[in-house]
């Protein structure tokens, strides 16, 4: 026996692949489809030492903090507290503004875009067939746009002959 594992998106091509397999002699009891579930929790915005997702809430804050520090220090020569204090005030204000912009962007705008795109997870299709049918099954799955495919051939040994006392 051969088991063929493949992944598909939720689409009509999956249904066409299953019906094509059934028309070519693979029984319904030999086809098993497993839909994967979507993530239920929101993504974490703050990274830990063990997990990083590539989203940085620091970069825009650092850029705006630098720009506001230069502007604050420049105007600080004319103001009462001087350029150092106004540079530090500009750094703090710019960093806070950049952090809030990124936080708003990833919490509100990106979340809405992800919901609008309707990200669906994949479906794992497992087909069990004999060795003669395995090439035909693989061709059908590739023809119907499988994302990936793996073949596992079962070794059928006589269990009693392998026992040694």
N, C-alpha and C. Protein backbone atom coordinates (compact mmCIF):
# COMPACT_ATOMS: atom_id res chain seq x y z
N UNK A 1 0.83 -1.19 0.00
CA UNK A 1 0.00 0.00 0.00
C UNK A 1 0.88 1.25 0.00
N UNK A 2 0.37 2.27 -0.61
CA UNK A 2 1.06 3.55 -0.70
C UNK A 2 0.11 4.62 -0.17
N UNK A 3 0.63 5.49 0.66
CA UNK A 3 -0.13 6.65 1.11
C UNK A 3 0.49 7.89 0.47
N UNK A 4 -0.37 8.72 -0.13
CA UNK A 4 0.09 9.94 -0.77
C UNK A 4 -0.55 11.12 -0.02
N UNK A 5 0.30 11.98 0.51
CA UNK A 5 -0.13 13.16 1.25
C UNK A 5 0.05 14.37 0.34
N UNK A 6 -0.95 15.24 0.28
CA UNK A 6 -0.83 16.46 -0.51
C UNK A 6 -1.55 17.58 0.21
N UNK A 7 -1.17 18.80 -0.11
CA UNK A 7 -1.82 19.96 0.48
C UNK A 7 -2.46 20.80 -0.62
N UNK A 8 -3.62 21.31 -0.33
CA UNK A 8 -4.38 22.15 -1.26
C UNK A 8 -4.90 23.36 -0.50
N UNK A 9 -5.26 24.40 -1.22
CA UNK A 9 -6.02 25.50 -0.64
C UNK A 9 -7.49 25.15 -0.70
N UNK A 10 -8.31 25.90 0.05
CA UNK A 10 -9.76 25.70 -0.03
C UNK A 10 -10.21 26.25 -1.38
N UNK A 11 -10.41 25.38 -2.35
CA UNK A 11 -10.78 25.86 -3.68
C UNK A 11 -11.52 24.76 -4.43
N UNK A 12 -11.99 25.12 -5.60
CA UNK A 12 -12.70 24.15 -6.43
C UNK A 12 -11.75 23.09 -6.97
N UNK A 13 -10.47 23.41 -7.08
CA UNK A 13 -9.51 22.43 -7.61
C UNK A 13 -9.38 21.23 -6.67
N UNK A 14 -9.56 21.42 -5.39
CA UNK A 14 -9.55 20.30 -4.45
C UNK A 14 -10.73 19.37 -4.71
N UNK A 15 -11.91 19.95 -4.89
CA UNK A 15 -13.09 19.14 -5.18
C UNK A 15 -12.94 18.41 -6.51
N UNK A 16 -12.37 19.08 -7.50
CA UNK A 16 -12.16 18.44 -8.79
C UNK A 16 -11.15 17.30 -8.69
N UNK A 17 -10.12 17.48 -7.86
CA UNK A 17 -9.13 16.42 -7.68
C UNK A 17 -9.76 15.20 -7.03
N UNK A 18 -10.60 15.41 -6.02
CA UNK A 18 -11.26 14.28 -5.34
C UNK A 18 -12.19 13.55 -6.30
N UNK A 19 -12.98 14.30 -7.07
CA UNK A 19 -13.90 13.63 -8.00
C UNK A 19 -13.13 12.93 -9.11
N UNK A 20 -12.03 13.48 -9.54
CA UNK A 20 -11.21 12.83 -10.57
C UNK A 20 -10.58 11.54 -10.04
N UNK A 21 -10.16 11.55 -8.77
CA UNK A 21 -9.61 10.34 -8.16
C UNK A 21 -10.68 9.25 -8.09
N UNK A 22 -11.89 9.64 -7.72
CA UNK A 22 -12.98 8.67 -7.63
C UNK A 22 -13.33 8.09 -9.00
N UNK A 23 -13.29 8.92 -10.05
CA UNK A 23 -13.59 8.44 -11.40
C UNK A 23 -12.51 7.47 -11.90
N UNK A 24 -11.30 7.60 -11.40
CA UNK A 24 -10.20 6.75 -11.86
C UNK A 24 -9.97 5.54 -10.95
N UNK A 25 -10.94 5.20 -10.14
CA UNK A 25 -10.88 3.94 -9.42
C UNK A 25 -10.41 3.99 -7.98
N UNK A 26 -10.18 5.16 -7.44
CA UNK A 26 -9.81 5.26 -6.02
C UNK A 26 -11.11 5.42 -5.23
N UNK A 27 -11.36 4.52 -4.30
CA UNK A 27 -12.61 4.53 -3.55
C UNK A 27 -12.69 5.68 -2.57
N UNK A 28 -13.94 6.02 -2.21
CA UNK A 28 -14.16 7.09 -1.24
C UNK A 28 -13.53 6.78 0.11
N UNK A 29 -13.49 5.51 0.48
CA UNK A 29 -12.93 5.13 1.76
C UNK A 29 -11.40 5.26 1.80
N UNK A 30 -10.80 5.45 0.63
CA UNK A 30 -9.34 5.61 0.55
C UNK A 30 -8.91 7.06 0.49
N UNK A 31 -9.85 7.99 0.50
CA UNK A 31 -9.54 9.43 0.41
C UNK A 31 -9.93 10.08 1.73
N UNK A 32 -8.99 10.81 2.31
CA UNK A 32 -9.23 11.46 3.60
C UNK A 32 -8.75 12.90 3.50
N UNK A 33 -9.64 13.86 3.71
CA UNK A 33 -9.31 15.28 3.65
C UNK A 33 -9.38 15.88 5.05
N UNK A 34 -8.32 16.60 5.44
CA UNK A 34 -8.24 17.21 6.77
C UNK A 34 -8.06 18.71 6.61
N UNK A 35 -9.09 19.51 6.92
CA UNK A 35 -8.90 20.97 6.85
C UNK A 35 -8.15 21.48 8.09
N UNK A 36 -7.17 22.32 7.87
CA UNK A 36 -6.44 22.92 8.97
C UNK A 36 -7.20 24.15 9.46
N UNK A 37 -7.13 24.43 10.74
CA UNK A 37 -7.87 25.56 11.30
C UNK A 37 -7.00 26.81 11.29
N UNK A 38 -7.66 27.95 11.26
CA UNK A 38 -6.97 29.23 11.32
C UNK A 38 -6.59 29.56 12.76
N UNK A 39 -5.63 30.44 12.91
CA UNK A 39 -5.22 30.90 14.23
C UNK A 39 -6.35 31.69 14.86
N UNK A 40 -6.67 31.34 16.09
CA UNK A 40 -7.77 32.00 16.78
C UNK A 40 -7.31 33.22 17.58
N UNK A 41 -6.07 33.22 18.03
CA UNK A 41 -5.58 34.34 18.83
C UNK A 41 -4.89 35.35 17.94
N UNK A 42 -4.86 36.59 18.40
CA UNK A 42 -4.17 37.62 17.66
C UNK A 42 -2.67 37.44 17.78
N UNK A 43 -1.96 37.98 16.81
CA UNK A 43 -0.51 37.93 16.86
C UNK A 43 -0.01 38.83 17.97
N UNK A 44 1.07 38.41 18.61
CA UNK A 44 1.65 39.23 19.67
C UNK A 44 2.48 40.34 19.01
N UNK A 45 2.35 41.55 19.53
CA UNK A 45 3.08 42.67 18.97
C UNK A 45 4.48 42.80 19.56
N UNK A 46 4.68 42.31 20.77
CA UNK A 46 5.98 42.42 21.40
C UNK A 46 6.69 41.07 21.32
N UNK A 47 7.91 41.10 20.82
CA UNK A 47 8.68 39.88 20.65
C UNK A 47 9.32 39.46 21.96
N UNK A 48 9.59 38.18 22.08
CA UNK A 48 10.33 37.68 23.23
C UNK A 48 11.67 37.16 22.73
N UNK A 49 12.46 36.63 23.61
CA UNK A 49 13.76 36.12 23.23
C UNK A 49 13.63 34.85 22.38
N UNK A 50 12.49 34.15 22.51
CA UNK A 50 12.29 32.90 21.80
C UNK A 50 11.41 33.03 20.57
N UNK A 51 10.79 34.17 20.37
CA UNK A 51 9.85 34.33 19.26
C UNK A 51 9.96 35.74 18.69
N UNK A 52 10.18 35.83 17.40
CA UNK A 52 10.19 37.12 16.71
C UNK A 52 9.46 36.93 15.38
N UNK A 53 8.57 37.86 15.05
CA UNK A 53 7.78 37.70 13.84
C UNK A 53 8.12 38.73 12.76
N UNK A 54 9.11 39.55 12.97
CA UNK A 54 9.53 40.50 11.95
C UNK A 54 8.82 41.84 12.02
N UNK A 55 7.88 42.00 12.91
CA UNK A 55 7.20 43.28 13.08
C UNK A 55 7.95 44.09 14.13
N UNK A 56 8.32 45.32 13.76
CA UNK A 56 9.07 46.16 14.68
C UNK A 56 8.26 47.40 15.01
N UNK A 57 8.00 47.59 16.29
CA UNK A 57 7.34 48.82 16.74
C UNK A 57 8.37 49.88 17.11
N UNK A 58 9.62 49.57 16.94
CA UNK A 58 10.71 50.44 17.37
C UNK A 58 11.24 51.31 16.24
N UNK A 59 11.19 50.84 15.00
CA UNK A 59 11.89 51.51 13.90
C UNK A 59 11.31 52.90 13.58
N UNK A 60 10.00 53.03 13.47
CA UNK A 60 9.41 54.34 13.18
C UNK A 60 9.63 55.29 14.35
N UNK A 61 9.54 54.77 15.58
CA UNK A 61 9.80 55.59 16.75
C UNK A 61 11.24 56.08 16.79
N UNK A 62 12.19 55.24 16.41
CA UNK A 62 13.60 55.66 16.40
C UNK A 62 13.84 56.72 15.34
N UNK A 63 13.24 56.57 14.17
CA UNK A 63 13.42 57.56 13.10
C UNK A 63 12.80 58.90 13.49
N UNK A 64 11.57 58.87 14.00
CA UNK A 64 10.93 60.12 14.40
C UNK A 64 11.61 60.72 15.62
N UNK A 65 12.10 59.89 16.53
CA UNK A 65 12.82 60.40 17.70
C UNK A 65 14.09 61.14 17.28
N UNK A 66 14.81 60.60 16.30
CA UNK A 66 16.02 61.27 15.79
C UNK A 66 15.67 62.59 15.13
N UNK A 67 14.64 62.56 14.28
CA UNK A 67 14.25 63.80 13.58
C UNK A 67 13.78 64.87 14.56
N UNK A 68 12.96 64.48 15.53
CA UNK A 68 12.46 65.47 16.49
C UNK A 68 13.56 65.94 17.43
N UNK A 69 14.56 65.10 17.69
CA UNK A 69 15.70 65.53 18.53
C UNK A 69 16.49 66.63 17.82
N UNK A 70 16.71 66.47 16.53
CA UNK A 70 17.44 67.50 15.77
C UNK A 70 16.64 68.80 15.73
N UNK A 71 15.35 68.69 15.49
CA UNK A 71 14.50 69.89 15.44
C UNK A 71 14.44 70.55 16.82
N UNK A 72 14.28 69.72 17.88
CA UNK A 72 14.22 70.27 19.24
C UNK A 72 15.52 70.94 19.64
N UNK A 73 16.65 70.31 19.29
CA UNK A 73 17.94 70.91 19.64
C UNK A 73 18.16 72.21 18.85
N UNK A 74 17.71 72.25 17.61
CA UNK A 74 17.87 73.47 16.80
C UNK A 74 17.07 74.62 17.38
N UNK A 75 15.83 74.37 17.73
CA UNK A 75 15.02 75.42 18.32
C UNK A 75 15.41 75.70 19.77
N UNK A 76 16.06 74.75 20.40
CA UNK A 76 16.45 74.90 21.80
C UNK A 76 17.45 76.01 22.03
N UNK A 77 18.20 76.40 21.00
CA UNK A 77 19.14 77.50 21.16
C UNK A 77 18.41 78.81 21.43
N UNK A 78 17.18 78.93 20.97
CA UNK A 78 16.43 80.15 21.17
C UNK A 78 15.48 80.06 22.37
N UNK A 79 15.22 78.88 22.84
CA UNK A 79 14.27 78.69 23.94
C UNK A 79 15.00 78.70 25.28
N UNK A 80 14.23 78.77 26.37
CA UNK A 80 14.80 79.00 27.69
C UNK A 80 15.60 77.81 28.23
N UNK A 81 15.16 76.59 28.06
CA UNK A 81 15.84 75.44 28.66
C UNK A 81 17.10 75.02 27.92
N UNK A 82 17.30 75.48 26.72
CA UNK A 82 18.52 75.16 25.98
C UNK A 82 18.37 73.95 25.06
N UNK A 83 19.38 73.72 24.23
CA UNK A 83 19.28 72.69 23.20
C UNK A 83 19.28 71.25 23.74
N UNK A 84 19.95 70.99 24.86
CA UNK A 84 20.02 69.61 25.36
C UNK A 84 18.65 69.15 25.86
N UNK A 85 18.02 69.96 26.69
CA UNK A 85 16.70 69.56 27.18
C UNK A 85 15.69 69.45 26.06
N UNK A 86 15.69 70.40 25.13
CA UNK A 86 14.72 70.36 24.04
C UNK A 86 15.02 69.22 23.06
N UNK A 87 16.28 68.87 22.94
CA UNK A 87 16.63 67.68 22.14
C UNK A 87 16.09 66.41 22.78
N UNK A 88 16.23 66.30 24.11
CA UNK A 88 15.69 65.13 24.82
C UNK A 88 14.16 65.10 24.77
N UNK A 89 13.55 66.25 24.89
CA UNK A 89 12.08 66.32 24.79
C UNK A 89 11.64 65.91 23.38
N UNK A 90 12.36 66.38 22.36
CA UNK A 90 12.05 66.00 20.97
C UNK A 90 12.23 64.51 20.74
N UNK A 91 13.30 63.93 21.32
CA UNK A 91 13.53 62.49 21.19
C UNK A 91 12.39 61.70 21.81
N UNK A 92 12.01 62.06 23.02
CA UNK A 92 10.94 61.35 23.71
C UNK A 92 9.60 61.49 22.97
N UNK A 93 9.29 62.70 22.56
CA UNK A 93 8.03 62.94 21.84
C UNK A 93 8.01 62.23 20.49
N UNK A 94 9.12 62.28 19.76
CA UNK A 94 9.17 61.62 18.45
C UNK A 94 9.08 60.10 18.57
N UNK A 95 9.78 59.54 19.57
CA UNK A 95 9.71 58.10 19.76
C UNK A 95 8.30 57.66 20.14
N UNK A 96 7.66 58.42 21.05
CA UNK A 96 6.29 58.08 21.47
C UNK A 96 5.33 58.18 20.29
N UNK A 97 5.47 59.21 19.46
CA UNK A 97 4.60 59.37 18.30
C UNK A 97 4.80 58.22 17.30
N UNK A 98 6.05 57.87 17.01
CA UNK A 98 6.32 56.76 16.10
C UNK A 98 5.83 55.43 16.62
N UNK A 99 6.00 55.20 17.92
CA UNK A 99 5.51 53.97 18.53
C UNK A 99 3.99 53.88 18.41
N UNK A 100 3.29 54.98 18.68
CA UNK A 100 1.83 54.98 18.60
C UNK A 100 1.35 54.81 17.16
N UNK A 101 2.07 55.39 16.20
CA UNK A 101 1.71 55.20 14.79
C UNK A 101 1.81 53.73 14.40
N UNK A 102 2.93 53.09 14.76
CA UNK A 102 3.10 51.66 14.45
C UNK A 102 2.08 50.80 15.17
N UNK A 103 1.81 51.11 16.42
CA UNK A 103 0.83 50.35 17.18
C UNK A 103 -0.54 50.44 16.54
N UNK A 104 -0.95 51.63 16.15
CA UNK A 104 -2.23 51.82 15.46
C UNK A 104 -2.25 51.08 14.13
N UNK A 105 -1.15 51.16 13.38
CA UNK A 105 -1.06 50.52 12.07
C UNK A 105 -1.23 49.00 12.17
N UNK A 106 -0.50 48.38 13.09
CA UNK A 106 -0.54 46.92 13.18
C UNK A 106 -1.78 46.41 13.92
N UNK A 107 -2.34 47.18 14.84
CA UNK A 107 -3.51 46.73 15.57
C UNK A 107 -4.81 46.96 14.80
N UNK A 108 -4.91 48.07 14.07
CA UNK A 108 -6.18 48.42 13.43
C UNK A 108 -6.14 48.16 11.92
N UNK A 109 -5.20 48.77 11.23
CA UNK A 109 -5.20 48.70 9.76
C UNK A 109 -4.83 47.30 9.28
N UNK A 110 -3.74 46.72 9.76
CA UNK A 110 -3.32 45.39 9.33
C UNK A 110 -4.33 44.33 9.72
N UNK A 111 -4.96 44.47 10.88
CA UNK A 111 -5.97 43.50 11.30
C UNK A 111 -7.15 43.52 10.34
N UNK A 112 -7.59 44.72 9.94
CA UNK A 112 -8.70 44.83 9.00
C UNK A 112 -8.32 44.27 7.64
N UNK A 113 -7.09 44.50 7.18
CA UNK A 113 -6.65 43.95 5.89
C UNK A 113 -6.61 42.43 5.94
N UNK A 114 -6.17 41.87 7.05
CA UNK A 114 -6.11 40.42 7.18
C UNK A 114 -7.51 39.82 7.16
N UNK A 115 -8.49 40.52 7.79
CA UNK A 115 -9.86 40.03 7.77
C UNK A 115 -10.47 40.16 6.38
N UNK A 116 -10.14 41.23 5.65
CA UNK A 116 -10.68 41.42 4.32
C UNK A 116 -10.12 40.40 3.33
N UNK A 117 -8.84 40.06 3.47
CA UNK A 117 -8.25 39.08 2.57
C UNK A 117 -8.86 37.70 2.75
N UNK A 118 -9.35 37.44 3.93
CA UNK A 118 -9.96 36.14 4.20
C UNK A 118 -8.95 35.02 4.12
N UNK A 119 -7.87 35.15 4.82
CA UNK A 119 -6.83 34.13 4.81
C UNK A 119 -7.40 32.80 5.25
N UNK A 120 -7.38 31.85 4.36
CA UNK A 120 -7.85 30.52 4.69
C UNK A 120 -6.66 29.59 4.83
N UNK A 121 -6.81 28.65 5.71
CA UNK A 121 -5.74 27.68 5.87
C UNK A 121 -5.86 26.63 4.77
N UNK A 122 -4.98 25.68 4.81
CA UNK A 122 -4.90 24.67 3.77
C UNK A 122 -5.66 23.42 4.16
N UNK A 123 -5.74 22.49 3.21
CA UNK A 123 -6.37 21.20 3.43
C UNK A 123 -5.32 20.13 3.11
N UNK A 124 -5.18 19.17 4.00
CA UNK A 124 -4.29 18.04 3.75
C UNK A 124 -5.15 16.91 3.20
N UNK A 125 -4.76 16.40 2.04
CA UNK A 125 -5.48 15.31 1.40
C UNK A 125 -4.61 14.06 1.46
N UNK A 126 -5.15 12.99 2.05
CA UNK A 126 -4.43 11.74 2.17
C UNK A 126 -5.15 10.71 1.31
N UNK A 127 -4.41 10.10 0.38
CA UNK A 127 -4.98 9.10 -0.51
C UNK A 127 -4.21 7.81 -0.31
N UNK A 128 -4.94 6.73 -0.04
CA UNK A 128 -4.33 5.42 0.12
C UNK A 128 -4.68 4.59 -1.11
N UNK A 129 -3.66 4.06 -1.76
CA UNK A 129 -3.87 3.30 -2.98
C UNK A 129 -2.80 2.22 -3.09
N UNK A 130 -2.95 1.37 -4.11
CA UNK A 130 -1.91 0.37 -4.33
C UNK A 130 -0.78 0.97 -5.15
N UNK A 131 0.30 0.24 -5.27
CA UNK A 131 1.50 0.77 -5.92
C UNK A 131 1.27 1.07 -7.40
N UNK A 132 0.39 0.31 -8.05
CA UNK A 132 0.12 0.51 -9.47
C UNK A 132 -0.60 1.84 -9.72
N UNK A 133 -1.44 2.25 -8.78
CA UNK A 133 -2.20 3.48 -8.95
C UNK A 133 -1.45 4.73 -8.50
N UNK A 134 -0.34 4.59 -7.82
CA UNK A 134 0.29 5.74 -7.16
C UNK A 134 0.76 6.81 -8.14
N UNK A 135 1.32 6.41 -9.29
CA UNK A 135 1.75 7.42 -10.27
C UNK A 135 0.55 8.17 -10.85
N UNK A 136 -0.54 7.45 -11.11
CA UNK A 136 -1.74 8.08 -11.64
C UNK A 136 -2.32 9.07 -10.62
N UNK A 137 -2.33 8.67 -9.33
CA UNK A 137 -2.84 9.55 -8.28
C UNK A 137 -1.98 10.80 -8.17
N UNK A 138 -0.66 10.65 -8.20
CA UNK A 138 0.22 11.83 -8.15
C UNK A 138 -0.01 12.76 -9.32
N UNK A 139 -0.16 12.22 -10.52
CA UNK A 139 -0.40 13.07 -11.69
C UNK A 139 -1.71 13.83 -11.56
N UNK A 140 -2.74 13.18 -11.04
CA UNK A 140 -4.03 13.86 -10.86
C UNK A 140 -3.89 15.00 -9.84
N UNK A 141 -3.20 14.74 -8.74
CA UNK A 141 -3.05 15.77 -7.71
C UNK A 141 -2.23 16.95 -8.23
N UNK A 142 -1.15 16.68 -8.95
CA UNK A 142 -0.35 17.78 -9.51
C UNK A 142 -1.16 18.55 -10.55
N UNK A 143 -1.96 17.83 -11.35
CA UNK A 143 -2.77 18.47 -12.39
C UNK A 143 -3.80 19.42 -11.78
N UNK A 144 -4.25 19.10 -10.57
CA UNK A 144 -5.25 19.94 -9.91
C UNK A 144 -4.62 20.89 -8.89
N UNK A 145 -3.39 21.27 -9.12
CA UNK A 145 -2.71 22.35 -8.40
C UNK A 145 -2.48 22.06 -6.92
N UNK A 146 -1.93 20.91 -6.61
CA UNK A 146 -1.53 20.62 -5.24
C UNK A 146 -0.34 21.51 -4.89
N UNK A 147 -0.30 22.00 -3.65
CA UNK A 147 0.82 22.82 -3.20
C UNK A 147 2.07 21.97 -3.00
N UNK A 148 1.89 20.80 -2.43
CA UNK A 148 3.00 19.90 -2.17
C UNK A 148 2.50 18.48 -2.12
N UNK A 149 3.44 17.53 -2.24
CA UNK A 149 3.05 16.14 -2.32
C UNK A 149 4.13 15.27 -1.70
N UNK A 150 3.73 14.21 -0.99
CA UNK A 150 4.68 13.26 -0.42
C UNK A 150 4.11 11.86 -0.56
N UNK A 151 4.99 10.92 -0.82
CA UNK A 151 4.59 9.52 -1.00
C UNK A 151 5.26 8.68 0.07
N UNK A 152 4.46 7.84 0.73
CA UNK A 152 4.99 6.93 1.73
C UNK A 152 4.57 5.52 1.34
N UNK A 153 5.57 4.67 1.15
CA UNK A 153 5.29 3.28 0.78
C UNK A 153 5.38 2.42 2.02
N UNK A 154 4.33 1.67 2.27
CA UNK A 154 4.30 0.81 3.45
C UNK A 154 5.10 -0.46 3.17
N UNK A 155 5.88 -0.88 4.14
CA UNK A 155 6.64 -2.11 4.03
C UNK A 155 5.78 -3.21 4.62
N UNK A 156 5.47 -4.20 3.81
CA UNK A 156 4.60 -5.28 4.26
C UNK A 156 5.43 -6.53 4.51
N UNK A 157 5.97 -6.64 5.70
CA UNK A 157 6.72 -7.83 6.10
C UNK A 157 5.83 -8.72 6.93
N UNK A 158 6.17 -9.97 6.92
CA UNK A 158 5.46 -10.88 7.79
C UNK A 158 5.99 -10.70 9.20
N UNK A 159 5.12 -10.34 10.11
CA UNK A 159 5.53 -10.01 11.47
C UNK A 159 6.09 -11.24 12.20
N UNK A 160 5.52 -12.41 11.91
CA UNK A 160 5.95 -13.62 12.61
C UNK A 160 7.38 -14.01 12.26
N UNK A 161 7.83 -13.71 11.04
CA UNK A 161 9.18 -14.08 10.64
C UNK A 161 10.23 -13.16 11.26
N UNK A 162 9.84 -11.99 11.70
CA UNK A 162 10.78 -11.04 12.26
C UNK A 162 10.98 -11.20 13.76
N UNK A 163 10.18 -12.07 14.38
CA UNK A 163 10.30 -12.27 15.82
C UNK A 163 11.44 -13.25 16.11
N UNK A 164 12.27 -12.89 17.02
CA UNK A 164 13.36 -13.81 17.40
C UNK A 164 13.39 -13.91 18.92
N UNK A 165 13.48 -15.15 19.38
CA UNK A 165 13.49 -15.39 20.83
C UNK A 165 14.80 -15.98 21.24
